[in-house]
């Protein structure tokens, strides 16, 4: 997947977060992911 934009999202209360958001403006597609660096979480 080609990516034209990368970002993240956290709401103002800190309750909801998306760690990785990718967008492809040419194909009008995107993806979301959660990243865990600590396997105990």
Protein backbone atom coordinates (compact mmCIF):
# COMPACT_ATOMS: atom_id res chain seq x y z
CA UNK A 1 0.00 0.00 0.00
CA UNK A 2 1.36 3.41 -0.95
CA UNK A 3 0.97 6.04 1.77
CA UNK A 4 0.61 9.78 1.27
CA UNK A 5 -0.13 10.76 4.91
CA UNK A 6 0.69 9.29 8.32
CA UNK A 7 -0.69 10.38 11.68
CA UNK A 8 -2.34 9.41 14.95
CA UNK A 9 -5.42 10.36 16.97
CA UNK A 10 -6.03 10.88 20.68
CA UNK A 11 -9.26 12.33 21.99
CA UNK A 12 -9.18 15.22 24.45
CA UNK A 13 -10.01 12.97 27.42
CA UNK A 14 -7.25 10.51 26.56
CA UNK A 15 -9.71 7.61 26.56
CA UNK A 16 -9.57 6.73 22.87
CA UNK A 17 -6.43 6.60 20.81
CA UNK A 18 -5.37 5.28 17.43
CA UNK A 19 -1.60 4.84 17.31
CA UNK A 20 -1.15 4.82 13.55
CA UNK A 21 -3.38 6.16 10.77
CA UNK A 22 -2.30 5.93 7.13
CA UNK A 23 -4.00 7.51 4.13
CA UNK A 24 -3.56 7.11 0.40
CA UNK A 25 -5.06 10.18 -1.26
CA UNK A 26 -4.69 8.74 -4.76
CA UNK A 27 -6.57 5.48 -4.13
CA UNK A 28 -8.89 6.98 -1.46
CA UNK A 29 -7.92 4.27 1.06
CA UNK A 30 -6.49 4.13 4.55
CA UNK A 31 -5.55 1.97 7.47
CA UNK A 32 -5.46 2.08 11.26
CA UNK A 33 -3.27 0.19 13.73
CA UNK A 34 -2.52 -0.09 17.41
CA UNK A 35 1.12 -0.50 18.39
CA UNK A 36 2.19 -2.34 21.54
CA UNK A 37 5.89 -2.20 22.36
CA UNK A 38 5.45 -3.93 25.73
CA UNK A 39 4.03 -7.48 25.30
CA UNK A 40 2.69 -7.41 28.91
CA UNK A 41 0.16 -4.72 27.96
